[in-house]
Amino acid sequence: MGERYLKSVRLLAECLQGFERFSGDSVRQSGLTPPQFDIIATLGNTPGMSYKQLGERTLITKGTLTGVIDRLELKGLVARTQSTDDKRSFFVQLTAEGETVFNEVFPKVVADGKRLFAPYSDADFDAMDQTLRKLKQLIADAGTPPTPSQPKESD
C-alpha cells in the first residue's frame, strides 16, 4: 500500500461501507433507499425544513437532493411547497404517510445500531469522536486556502 495513512483510510472506508450495508438492510426492507431514509429521518419530529436545511443536515449531496425528494413525493411520503419569501426555495415536510413510515422505520434502525455498538463504552465513543473530529478538521483545513500568516505548502 505504500503510505501508512492509506491503511487507515482504507479501514475507515471499509467501516463506512460495512455500516451502510448493515443499516441499509432494515431501511431497504421498508421500501426506502438509504438516501430516502436519510431525508425521512431528518424530517421526522420536525415541522419540515427548506432544501438548504436538508442539505446541511443530511449526507446527501445538493445535486442528488432534488431527485430523492422527487421520488419521496411520488411515494406520498413528503410534500413540498414553494417558499413565500423566495420563489426559488422550497419547504419540505413529511406527509401523514411519511410520519407513519418514520415512526415504523426509525426506531428499528436505531435499535439495530444500538445492538451493533453495544460493546462500546462511553470512553470508546469519546476516543472515536475525538479522532474523527480531528480528521474532519484536517480535511476541512486542507480545503481552506492559507491565510497570510500561514506558509504555503510550496514554501
N, C-alpha and C. Protein backbone atom coordinates (compact mmCIF):
# COMPACT_ATOMS: atom_id res chain seq x y z
N MET A 1 0.81 -1.20 0.00
CA MET A 1 0.00 0.00 0.00
C MET A 1 0.85 1.26 0.00
N GLY A 2 2.05 1.17 0.42
CA GLY A 2 2.90 2.35 0.38
C GLY A 2 2.75 3.21 1.61
N GLU A 3 2.09 4.33 1.48
CA GLU A 3 1.97 5.30 2.56
C GLU A 3 1.13 4.75 3.71
N ARG A 4 1.57 4.99 4.94
CA ARG A 4 0.91 4.47 6.13
C ARG A 4 -0.54 4.93 6.25
N TYR A 5 -0.81 6.20 5.94
CA TYR A 5 -2.17 6.72 6.11
C TYR A 5 -3.18 5.98 5.23
N LEU A 6 -2.71 5.40 4.13
CA LEU A 6 -3.63 4.69 3.23
C LEU A 6 -4.29 3.49 3.91
N LYS A 7 -3.57 2.83 4.81
CA LYS A 7 -4.16 1.71 5.55
C LYS A 7 -5.34 2.20 6.41
N SER A 8 -5.15 3.34 7.05
CA SER A 8 -6.20 3.89 7.90
C SER A 8 -7.38 4.39 7.07
N VAL A 9 -7.09 5.02 5.95
CA VAL A 9 -8.17 5.50 5.08
C VAL A 9 -8.97 4.31 4.56
N ARG A 10 -8.27 3.26 4.17
CA ARG A 10 -8.97 2.06 3.69
C ARG A 10 -9.85 1.47 4.81
N LEU A 11 -9.32 1.37 6.01
CA LEU A 11 -10.09 0.85 7.13
C LEU A 11 -11.31 1.72 7.40
N LEU A 12 -11.15 3.02 7.35
CA LEU A 12 -12.27 3.94 7.55
C LEU A 12 -13.33 3.73 6.48
N ALA A 13 -12.89 3.61 5.22
CA ALA A 13 -13.83 3.38 4.11
C ALA A 13 -14.54 2.04 4.27
N GLU A 14 -13.82 1.01 4.68
CA GLU A 14 -14.43 -0.31 4.88
C GLU A 14 -15.46 -0.27 6.01
N CYS A 15 -15.17 0.49 7.06
CA CYS A 15 -16.14 0.64 8.15
C CYS A 15 -17.40 1.35 7.65
N LEU A 16 -17.22 2.41 6.90
CA LEU A 16 -18.36 3.15 6.37
C LEU A 16 -19.20 2.26 5.45
N GLN A 17 -18.55 1.56 4.54
CA GLN A 17 -19.28 0.67 3.63
C GLN A 17 -19.99 -0.44 4.39
N GLY A 18 -19.32 -1.02 5.37
CA GLY A 18 -19.94 -2.07 6.17
C GLY A 18 -21.14 -1.55 6.96
N PHE A 19 -20.99 -0.36 7.54
CA PHE A 19 -22.10 0.21 8.30
C PHE A 19 -23.27 0.53 7.38
N GLU A 20 -22.98 1.05 6.19
CA GLU A 20 -24.06 1.34 5.24
C GLU A 20 -24.80 0.07 4.83
N ARG A 21 -24.06 -1.03 4.63
CA ARG A 21 -24.73 -2.31 4.32
C ARG A 21 -25.58 -2.76 5.51
N PHE A 22 -24.99 -2.68 6.70
CA PHE A 22 -25.69 -3.11 7.91
C PHE A 22 -26.97 -2.31 8.13
N SER A 23 -26.86 -0.99 8.14
CA SER A 23 -28.04 -0.17 8.42
C SER A 23 -28.99 -0.14 7.23
N GLY A 24 -28.46 -0.33 6.03
CA GLY A 24 -29.31 -0.31 4.84
C GLY A 24 -30.27 -1.47 4.74
N ASP A 25 -29.95 -2.59 5.39
CA ASP A 25 -30.82 -3.76 5.32
C ASP A 25 -32.23 -3.45 5.83
N SER A 26 -32.33 -2.90 7.03
CA SER A 26 -33.65 -2.61 7.58
C SER A 26 -34.32 -1.46 6.83
N VAL A 27 -33.53 -0.55 6.30
CA VAL A 27 -34.09 0.56 5.52
C VAL A 27 -34.71 0.02 4.23
N ARG A 28 -33.96 -0.83 3.53
CA ARG A 28 -34.48 -1.39 2.27
C ARG A 28 -35.71 -2.27 2.49
N GLN A 29 -35.77 -2.96 3.62
CA GLN A 29 -36.95 -3.78 3.93
C GLN A 29 -38.21 -2.93 4.03
N SER A 30 -38.04 -1.65 4.31
CA SER A 30 -39.18 -0.75 4.43
C SER A 30 -39.56 -0.14 3.07
N GLY A 31 -38.80 -0.49 2.02
CA GLY A 31 -39.08 0.04 0.70
C GLY A 31 -38.41 1.37 0.41
N LEU A 32 -37.45 1.75 1.24
CA LEU A 32 -36.74 3.02 1.05
C LEU A 32 -35.29 2.74 0.67
N THR A 33 -34.68 3.69 -0.02
CA THR A 33 -33.25 3.65 -0.23
C THR A 33 -32.59 4.37 0.95
N PRO A 34 -31.30 4.13 1.20
CA PRO A 34 -30.65 4.86 2.29
C PRO A 34 -30.78 6.39 2.18
N PRO A 35 -30.61 7.00 0.98
CA PRO A 35 -30.81 8.45 0.92
C PRO A 35 -32.25 8.87 1.23
N GLN A 36 -33.23 8.07 0.81
CA GLN A 36 -34.62 8.39 1.14
C GLN A 36 -34.84 8.32 2.65
N PHE A 37 -34.26 7.29 3.27
CA PHE A 37 -34.38 7.19 4.72
C PHE A 37 -33.71 8.37 5.40
N ASP A 38 -32.57 8.81 4.88
CA ASP A 38 -31.87 9.95 5.46
C ASP A 38 -32.79 11.17 5.50
N ILE A 39 -33.53 11.41 4.41
CA ILE A 39 -34.47 12.53 4.36
C ILE A 39 -35.61 12.31 5.35
N ILE A 40 -36.20 11.11 5.35
CA ILE A 40 -37.32 10.80 6.27
C ILE A 40 -36.87 10.99 7.72
N ALA A 41 -35.68 10.45 8.06
CA ALA A 41 -35.18 10.55 9.43
C ALA A 41 -34.89 12.00 9.82
N THR A 42 -34.40 12.79 8.88
CA THR A 42 -34.09 14.18 9.16
C THR A 42 -35.36 15.01 9.35
N LEU A 43 -36.39 14.70 8.56
CA LEU A 43 -37.64 15.46 8.66
C LEU A 43 -38.51 14.99 9.83
N GLY A 44 -38.29 13.77 10.31
CA GLY A 44 -39.10 13.23 11.40
C GLY A 44 -39.04 14.11 12.63
N ASN A 45 -40.17 14.25 13.28
CA ASN A 45 -40.30 15.06 14.50
C ASN A 45 -39.95 16.53 14.28
N THR A 46 -40.11 17.02 13.04
CA THR A 46 -39.92 18.44 12.76
C THR A 46 -41.14 18.92 11.98
N PRO A 47 -41.35 20.23 11.92
CA PRO A 47 -42.44 20.76 11.09
C PRO A 47 -42.06 20.79 9.61
N GLY A 48 -40.83 20.38 9.30
CA GLY A 48 -40.32 20.42 7.94
C GLY A 48 -39.17 21.40 7.87
N MET A 49 -38.54 21.47 6.69
CA MET A 49 -37.42 22.39 6.52
C MET A 49 -37.18 22.69 5.05
N SER A 50 -36.35 23.67 4.82
CA SER A 50 -36.01 24.07 3.46
C SER A 50 -35.02 23.08 2.86
N TYR A 51 -34.88 23.15 1.53
CA TYR A 51 -33.87 22.34 0.85
C TYR A 51 -32.49 22.63 1.44
N LYS A 52 -32.22 23.90 1.69
CA LYS A 52 -30.92 24.28 2.23
C LYS A 52 -30.67 23.58 3.57
N GLN A 53 -31.66 23.61 4.46
CA GLN A 53 -31.51 22.96 5.76
C GLN A 53 -31.33 21.46 5.59
N LEU A 54 -32.09 20.84 4.69
CA LEU A 54 -31.94 19.40 4.44
C LEU A 54 -30.54 19.08 3.94
N GLY A 55 -30.03 19.92 3.05
CA GLY A 55 -28.69 19.71 2.53
C GLY A 55 -27.63 19.79 3.61
N GLU A 56 -27.84 20.66 4.58
CA GLU A 56 -26.88 20.83 5.68
C GLU A 56 -26.98 19.71 6.72
N ARG A 57 -28.15 19.09 6.84
CA ARG A 57 -28.38 18.11 7.91
C ARG A 57 -28.38 16.66 7.45
N THR A 58 -28.26 16.44 6.15
CA THR A 58 -28.22 15.07 5.65
C THR A 58 -26.86 14.80 5.02
N LEU A 59 -26.67 13.56 4.63
CA LEU A 59 -25.43 13.17 3.96
C LEU A 59 -25.61 13.15 2.45
N ILE A 60 -26.66 13.81 1.97
CA ILE A 60 -26.99 13.79 0.55
C ILE A 60 -26.44 15.04 -0.11
N THR A 61 -25.78 14.85 -1.25
CA THR A 61 -25.23 16.00 -1.97
C THR A 61 -26.36 16.83 -2.55
N LYS A 62 -26.08 18.10 -2.74
CA LYS A 62 -27.08 19.03 -3.24
C LYS A 62 -27.65 18.57 -4.58
N GLY A 63 -26.79 18.05 -5.45
CA GLY A 63 -27.24 17.60 -6.76
C GLY A 63 -28.18 16.41 -6.72
N THR A 64 -28.08 15.61 -5.68
CA THR A 64 -28.91 14.41 -5.53
C THR A 64 -30.20 14.69 -4.76
N LEU A 65 -30.19 15.72 -3.96
CA LEU A 65 -31.29 16.01 -3.05
C LEU A 65 -32.64 16.14 -3.76
N THR A 66 -32.69 16.88 -4.85
CA THR A 66 -33.95 17.10 -5.55
C THR A 66 -34.54 15.79 -6.06
N GLY A 67 -33.70 14.93 -6.63
CA GLY A 67 -34.19 13.64 -7.14
C GLY A 67 -34.73 12.75 -6.03
N VAL A 68 -34.07 12.74 -4.89
CA VAL A 68 -34.54 11.94 -3.75
C VAL A 68 -35.88 12.47 -3.27
N ILE A 69 -36.00 13.77 -3.16
CA ILE A 69 -37.26 14.37 -2.72
C ILE A 69 -38.35 14.11 -3.76
N ASP A 70 -38.02 14.19 -5.04
CA ASP A 70 -39.00 13.88 -6.10
C ASP A 70 -39.58 12.48 -5.90
N ARG A 71 -38.70 11.50 -5.67
CA ARG A 71 -39.16 10.11 -5.51
C ARG A 71 -39.98 9.92 -4.22
N LEU A 72 -39.58 10.61 -3.15
CA LEU A 72 -40.36 10.53 -1.91
C LEU A 72 -41.73 11.18 -2.09
N GLU A 73 -41.78 12.24 -2.87
CA GLU A 73 -43.06 12.90 -3.14
C GLU A 73 -43.96 11.97 -3.96
N LEU A 74 -43.39 11.28 -4.95
CA LEU A 74 -44.17 10.32 -5.74
C LEU A 74 -44.73 9.18 -4.88
N LYS A 75 -43.98 8.80 -3.84
CA LYS A 75 -44.44 7.76 -2.91
C LYS A 75 -45.47 8.30 -1.91
N GLY A 76 -45.68 9.61 -1.91
CA GLY A 76 -46.62 10.22 -0.99
C GLY A 76 -46.08 10.40 0.42
N LEU A 77 -44.75 10.37 0.56
CA LEU A 77 -44.16 10.45 1.90
C LEU A 77 -43.74 11.86 2.30
N VAL A 78 -43.53 12.73 1.32
CA VAL A 78 -43.21 14.13 1.62
C VAL A 78 -44.06 15.03 0.73
N ALA A 79 -44.21 16.24 1.20
CA ALA A 79 -44.88 17.29 0.40
C ALA A 79 -43.94 18.48 0.39
N ARG A 80 -43.90 19.16 -0.73
CA ARG A 80 -43.07 20.37 -0.79
C ARG A 80 -43.94 21.53 -1.23
N THR A 81 -43.63 22.65 -0.67
CA THR A 81 -44.34 23.88 -1.02
C THR A 81 -43.31 24.94 -1.33
N GLN A 82 -43.67 25.83 -2.22
CA GLN A 82 -42.78 26.92 -2.59
C GLN A 82 -42.76 27.96 -1.47
N SER A 83 -41.60 28.46 -1.19
CA SER A 83 -41.45 29.48 -0.15
C SER A 83 -42.17 30.75 -0.58
N THR A 84 -42.83 31.38 0.35
CA THR A 84 -43.48 32.65 0.05
C THR A 84 -42.46 33.79 0.00
N ASP A 85 -41.33 33.60 0.68
CA ASP A 85 -40.29 34.63 0.72
C ASP A 85 -39.40 34.59 -0.53
N ASP A 86 -39.07 33.38 -0.97
CA ASP A 86 -38.14 33.22 -2.09
C ASP A 86 -38.71 32.17 -3.02
N LYS A 87 -39.16 32.58 -4.18
CA LYS A 87 -39.84 31.68 -5.12
C LYS A 87 -38.91 30.58 -5.64
N ARG A 88 -37.59 30.72 -5.45
CA ARG A 88 -36.66 29.68 -5.87
C ARG A 88 -36.48 28.63 -4.79
N SER A 89 -37.00 28.86 -3.60
CA SER A 89 -36.79 27.98 -2.46
C SER A 89 -38.04 27.17 -2.16
N PHE A 90 -37.83 25.93 -1.71
CA PHE A 90 -38.94 25.05 -1.35
C PHE A 90 -38.82 24.60 0.10
N PHE A 91 -39.98 24.33 0.68
CA PHE A 91 -40.09 23.82 2.04
C PHE A 91 -40.59 22.38 1.92
N VAL A 92 -39.96 21.45 2.63
CA VAL A 92 -40.31 20.03 2.54
C VAL A 92 -40.73 19.54 3.91
N GLN A 93 -41.81 18.77 3.95
CA GLN A 93 -42.25 18.19 5.21
C GLN A 93 -42.83 16.80 4.96
N LEU A 94 -42.84 15.99 6.00
CA LEU A 94 -43.43 14.66 5.90
C LEU A 94 -44.94 14.77 5.79
N THR A 95 -45.52 13.90 4.99
CA THR A 95 -46.97 13.76 4.95
C THR A 95 -47.37 12.85 6.11
N ALA A 96 -48.66 12.64 6.30
CA ALA A 96 -49.12 11.71 7.35
C ALA A 96 -48.55 10.32 7.09
N GLU A 97 -48.53 9.91 5.82
CA GLU A 97 -47.96 8.61 5.48
C GLU A 97 -46.45 8.59 5.76
N GLY A 98 -45.77 9.70 5.48
CA GLY A 98 -44.35 9.81 5.78
C GLY A 98 -44.07 9.72 7.26
N GLU A 99 -44.92 10.35 8.07
CA GLU A 99 -44.79 10.26 9.53
C GLU A 99 -44.94 8.81 10.00
N THR A 100 -45.88 8.09 9.40
CA THR A 100 -46.09 6.68 9.75
C THR A 100 -44.83 5.87 9.43
N VAL A 101 -44.27 6.09 8.24
CA VAL A 101 -43.05 5.38 7.85
C VAL A 101 -41.92 5.73 8.82
N PHE A 102 -41.76 7.00 9.14
CA PHE A 102 -40.73 7.42 10.09
C PHE A 102 -40.91 6.70 11.43
N ASN A 103 -42.13 6.68 11.94
CA ASN A 103 -42.41 6.07 13.25
C ASN A 103 -42.21 4.55 13.24
N GLU A 104 -42.29 3.93 12.08
CA GLU A 104 -42.07 2.49 11.98
C GLU A 104 -40.59 2.16 11.76
N VAL A 105 -39.94 2.88 10.88
CA VAL A 105 -38.59 2.52 10.45
C VAL A 105 -37.51 3.09 11.36
N PHE A 106 -37.62 4.34 11.77
CA PHE A 106 -36.56 4.99 12.56
C PHE A 106 -36.23 4.21 13.84
N PRO A 107 -37.23 3.82 14.64
CA PRO A 107 -36.89 3.08 15.87
C PRO A 107 -36.17 1.76 15.58
N LYS A 108 -36.52 1.10 14.49
CA LYS A 108 -35.85 -0.16 14.14
C LYS A 108 -34.40 0.07 13.78
N VAL A 109 -34.13 1.09 12.98
CA VAL A 109 -32.76 1.40 12.58
C VAL A 109 -31.93 1.79 13.82
N VAL A 110 -32.52 2.58 14.71
CA VAL A 110 -31.82 2.98 15.93
C VAL A 110 -31.54 1.76 16.81
N ALA A 111 -32.51 0.87 16.95
CA ALA A 111 -32.32 -0.34 17.76
C ALA A 111 -31.23 -1.22 17.17
N ASP A 112 -31.21 -1.37 15.85
CA ASP A 112 -30.16 -2.15 15.21
C ASP A 112 -28.79 -1.54 15.49
N GLY A 113 -28.70 -0.22 15.39
CA GLY A 113 -27.44 0.47 15.67
C GLY A 113 -27.01 0.30 17.12
N LYS A 114 -27.97 0.36 18.03
CA LYS A 114 -27.64 0.16 19.46
C LYS A 114 -27.05 -1.22 19.69
N ARG A 115 -27.62 -2.23 19.05
CA ARG A 115 -27.09 -3.59 19.20
C ARG A 115 -25.67 -3.68 18.64
N LEU A 116 -25.44 -3.06 17.49
CA LEU A 116 -24.12 -3.10 16.88
C LEU A 116 -23.08 -2.46 17.78
N PHE A 117 -23.42 -1.32 18.39
CA PHE A 117 -22.46 -0.58 19.20
C PHE A 117 -22.53 -0.92 20.69
N ALA A 118 -23.27 -1.93 21.06
CA ALA A 118 -23.41 -2.30 22.47
C ALA A 118 -22.06 -2.53 23.16
N PRO A 119 -21.06 -3.11 22.49
CA PRO A 119 -19.78 -3.31 23.18
C PRO A 119 -19.00 -2.03 23.48
N TYR A 120 -19.39 -0.91 22.90
CA TYR A 120 -18.66 0.34 23.09
C TYR A 120 -19.04 1.00 24.41
N SER A 121 -18.02 1.43 25.14
CA SER A 121 -18.22 2.20 26.37
C SER A 121 -18.26 3.68 26.01
N ASP A 122 -18.62 4.50 26.99
CA ASP A 122 -18.57 5.95 26.77
C ASP A 122 -17.15 6.39 26.41
N ALA A 123 -16.16 5.78 27.04
CA ALA A 123 -14.76 6.12 26.75
C ALA A 123 -14.41 5.74 25.30
N ASP A 124 -14.93 4.60 24.82
CA ASP A 124 -14.70 4.20 23.43
C ASP A 124 -15.29 5.24 22.48
N PHE A 125 -16.53 5.65 22.76
CA PHE A 125 -17.17 6.66 21.91
C PHE A 125 -16.42 7.98 21.96
N ASP A 126 -15.98 8.39 23.15
CA ASP A 126 -15.25 9.65 23.28
C ASP A 126 -13.96 9.62 22.47
N ALA A 127 -13.23 8.49 22.54
CA ALA A 127 -11.98 8.37 21.79
C ALA A 127 -12.24 8.39 20.28
N MET A 128 -13.27 7.67 19.86
CA MET A 128 -13.60 7.64 18.44
C MET A 128 -14.03 9.03 17.97
N ASP A 129 -14.87 9.69 18.74
CA ASP A 129 -15.33 11.04 18.38
C ASP A 129 -14.15 12.00 18.27
N GLN A 130 -13.25 11.94 19.21
CA GLN A 130 -12.09 12.84 19.20
C GLN A 130 -11.25 12.60 17.95
N THR A 131 -11.00 11.35 17.61
CA THR A 131 -10.20 11.03 16.43
C THR A 131 -10.90 11.47 15.16
N LEU A 132 -12.19 11.20 15.06
CA LEU A 132 -12.93 11.57 13.85
C LEU A 132 -13.07 13.09 13.71
N ARG A 133 -13.27 13.80 14.83
CA ARG A 133 -13.33 15.26 14.77
C ARG A 133 -12.00 15.84 14.27
N LYS A 134 -10.91 15.29 14.76
CA LYS A 134 -9.58 15.74 14.34
C LYS A 134 -9.40 15.51 12.84
N LEU A 135 -9.77 14.34 12.36
CA LEU A 135 -9.66 14.04 10.93
C LEU A 135 -10.55 14.96 10.12
N LYS A 136 -11.76 15.17 10.57
CA LYS A 136 -12.69 16.06 9.86
C LYS A 136 -12.12 17.47 9.76
N GLN A 137 -11.52 17.96 10.85
CA GLN A 137 -10.93 19.29 10.84
C GLN A 137 -9.72 19.36 9.90
N LEU A 138 -8.89 18.33 9.90
CA LEU A 138 -7.73 18.30 8.99
C LEU A 138 -8.19 18.34 7.54
N ILE A 139 -9.24 17.59 7.23
CA ILE A 139 -9.77 17.59 5.87
C ILE A 139 -10.33 18.96 5.52
N ALA A 140 -11.07 19.56 6.45
CA ALA A 140 -11.64 20.89 6.20
C ALA A 140 -10.53 21.92 6.01
N ASP A 141 -9.50 21.85 6.84
CA ASP A 141 -8.39 22.80 6.75
C ASP A 141 -7.62 22.63 5.44
N ALA A 142 -7.54 21.41 4.95
CA ALA A 142 -6.80 21.15 3.71
C ALA A 142 -7.49 21.82 2.52
N GLY A 143 -8.79 22.02 2.61
CA GLY A 143 -9.52 22.67 1.54
C GLY A 143 -9.59 24.17 1.68
N THR A 144 -9.01 24.70 2.74
CA THR A 144 -9.04 26.14 3.01
C THR A 144 -7.73 26.76 2.53
N PRO A 145 -7.81 27.83 1.72
CA PRO A 145 -6.57 28.48 1.29
C PRO A 145 -5.81 29.02 2.50
N PRO A 146 -4.51 29.00 2.45
CA PRO A 146 -3.72 29.50 3.59
C PRO A 146 -3.94 31.00 3.79
N THR A 147 -3.93 31.42 5.05
CA THR A 147 -4.03 32.84 5.36
C THR A 147 -2.63 33.44 5.23
N PRO A 148 -2.53 34.75 5.17
CA PRO A 148 -1.19 35.35 5.04
C PRO A 148 -0.22 34.91 6.13
N SER A 149 -0.72 34.56 7.31
CA SER A 149 0.18 34.16 8.39
C SER A 149 0.61 32.70 8.26
N GLN A 150 -0.10 31.93 7.41
CA GLN A 150 0.26 30.54 7.20
C GLN A 150 1.16 30.41 5.97
N PRO A 151 2.23 29.68 6.08
CA PRO A 151 3.05 29.49 4.88
C PRO A 151 2.34 28.55 3.91
N LYS A 152 2.55 28.77 2.62
CA LYS A 152 2.01 27.89 1.60
C LYS A 152 2.82 26.61 1.62
N GLU A 153 2.22 25.53 1.15
CA GLU A 153 2.92 24.24 1.15
C GLU A 153 4.19 24.29 0.34
N SER A 154 4.25 25.11 -0.68
CA SER A 154 5.44 25.18 -1.52
C SER A 154 6.57 25.97 -0.87
N ASP A 155 6.26 26.69 0.23
CA ASP A 155 7.29 27.50 0.92
C ASP A 155 8.23 26.62 1.71
